[in-house]
């Protein structure tokens, strides 16, 4: 069973930065794709970025050039470096496999971008 614990969120001013971290434990294939998702209040979760275990990455258009996803396979962590944050990035951020596993959603971490 996959277990995901996100951390690193907080309140930041527009233009600021945050780094989110996800600790992955449980059963996961050695070849896998991990993603960061976000949910703006009342909306469905949307995929923000993913990273393959071999290193390939993908980003949603609105975060390209501002967010960087990375992973440490030895430590089973997946990070999301977020720069030049905008108020519209305000959301609860989650990590999960891509495609996601419904039963694996964690608590998420709240990111609020506001002056």
Protein backbone atom coordinates (compact mmCIF):
# COMPACT_ATOMS: atom_id res chain seq x y z
CA UNK A 1 0.00 0.00 0.00
CA UNK A 2 1.36 3.37 -1.02
CA UNK A 3 1.72 6.06 1.67
CA UNK A 4 2.45 9.69 0.84
CA UNK A 5 3.28 12.49 3.25
CA UNK A 6 3.58 16.04 1.92
CA UNK A 7 5.20 19.00 3.68
CA UNK A 8 6.69 22.41 3.03
CA UNK A 9 3.66 24.55 2.33
CA UNK A 10 2.98 27.92 3.88
CA UNK A 11 2.14 31.55 3.32
CA UNK A 12 4.35 33.42 0.87
CA UNK A 13 4.18 36.78 -0.87
CA UNK A 14 3.76 37.02 -4.65
CA UNK A 15 7.11 36.47 -6.29
CA UNK A 16 8.32 34.33 -3.43
CA UNK A 17 9.37 30.70 -3.41
CA UNK A 18 8.68 27.47 -1.57
CA UNK A 19 9.93 23.91 -1.79
CA UNK A 20 7.46 21.11 -1.22
CA UNK A 21 8.59 17.64 -0.21
CA UNK A 22 6.84 14.29 -0.45
CA UNK A 23 8.02 11.18 1.38
CA UNK A 24 6.94 8.00 -0.41
CA UNK A 25 6.66 4.69 1.41
CA UNK A 26 5.01 1.36 0.74
CA UNK A 27 4.76 -0.73 -2.37
CA UNK A 28 5.89 1.02 -5.53
CA UNK A 29 7.50 -0.39 -8.67
CA UNK A 30 11.10 0.60 -9.30
CA UNK A 31 10.02 2.13 -12.63
CA UNK A 32 7.34 4.66 -11.87
CA UNK A 33 6.11 8.17 -12.46
CA UNK A 34 5.43 10.48 -9.52
CA UNK A 35 3.46 13.67 -9.81
CA UNK A 36 2.51 16.78 -7.92
CA UNK A 37 -1.13 17.80 -8.07
CA UNK A 38 -3.00 20.78 -6.68
CA UNK A 39 -6.56 21.47 -5.71
CA UNK A 40 -7.94 24.96 -5.64
CA UNK A 41 -10.90 25.21 -3.31
CA UNK A 42 -13.99 23.71 -4.91
CA UNK A 43 -12.19 22.52 -8.04
CA UNK A 44 -10.91 19.11 -9.07
CA UNK A 45 -7.30 18.20 -8.46
CA UNK A 46 -5.10 19.08 -11.40
CA UNK A 47 -1.75 17.66 -12.36
CA UNK A 48 1.03 20.23 -12.06
CA UNK A 49 4.14 18.22 -12.90
CA UNK A 50 5.43 14.68 -13.08
CA UNK A 51 8.81 12.97 -13.05
CA UNK A 52 9.74 9.52 -14.28
CA UNK A 53 12.07 7.37 -12.21
CA UNK A 54 14.56 7.71 -15.10
CA UNK A 55 14.38 11.51 -14.89
CA UNK A 56 12.04 12.69 -17.64
CA UNK A 57 9.73 15.50 -16.55
CA UNK A 58 6.55 17.26 -17.66
CA UNK A 59 4.99 20.53 -16.50
CA UNK A 60 1.59 22.09 -16.86
CA UNK A 61 1.83 25.24 -19.00
CA UNK A 62 1.05 27.71 -16.21
CA UNK A 63 4.03 26.55 -14.10
CA UNK A 64 6.62 25.97 -16.82
CA UNK A 65 9.79 27.91 -16.09
CA UNK A 66 8.72 28.57 -12.48
CA UNK A 67 8.40 25.11 -10.92
CA UNK A 68 10.97 22.31 -10.87
CA UNK A 69 10.16 18.74 -9.90
CA UNK A 70 12.91 16.46 -8.67
CA UNK A 71 13.27 13.14 -6.91
CA UNK A 72 15.74 11.19 -4.84
CA UNK A 73 15.10 7.52 -5.54
CA UNK A 74 17.44 6.40 -2.74
CA UNK A 75 15.55 8.47 -0.18
CA UNK A 76 12.11 7.92 -1.75
CA UNK A 77 11.33 11.61 -1.87
CA UNK A 78 9.83 13.82 -4.55
CA UNK A 79 10.26 17.60 -4.33
CA UNK A 80 8.65 20.56 -6.03
CA UNK A 81 10.65 23.78 -6.11
CA UNK A 82 8.26 26.67 -6.74
CA UNK A 83 9.62 30.06 -7.74
CA UNK A 84 7.96 33.32 -8.79
CA UNK A 85 4.78 32.29 -7.05
CA UNK A 86 1.51 33.92 -8.03
CA UNK A 87 -1.78 34.28 -6.14
CA UNK A 88 -3.33 31.81 -8.58
CA UNK A 89 -0.89 29.15 -7.33
CA UNK A 90 -2.77 29.16 -4.02
CA UNK A 91 -4.01 25.61 -3.48
CA UNK A 92 -3.54 22.43 -1.51
CA UNK A 93 -0.69 20.50 -3.10
CA UNK A 94 -0.55 16.70 -3.16
CA UNK A 95 1.85 14.12 -4.50
CA UNK A 96 0.75 10.79 -5.95
CA UNK A 97 1.62 8.34 -8.65
CA UNK A 98 0.81 9.32 -12.23
CA UNK A 99 -1.76 8.16 -13.06
CA UNK A 100 -2.88 8.67 -9.49
CA UNK A 101 -3.98 5.98 -7.09
CA UNK A 102 -7.25 7.06 -5.49
CA UNK A 103 -6.58 5.31 -2.20
CA UNK A 104 -3.16 6.86 -1.81
CA UNK A 105 -4.00 10.57 -1.46
CA UNK A 106 -2.34 12.09 1.59
CA UNK A 107 -3.30 15.17 3.59
CA UNK A 108 -1.62 17.54 1.18
CA UNK A 109 0.12 20.76 2.08
CA UNK A 110 -1.46 24.22 1.83
CA UNK A 111 0.27 26.87 -0.24
CA UNK A 112 -1.09 30.40 0.07
CA UNK A 113 0.32 33.19 -2.08
CA UNK A 114 -0.84 36.55 -0.82
CA UNK A 115 0.47 39.96 0.09
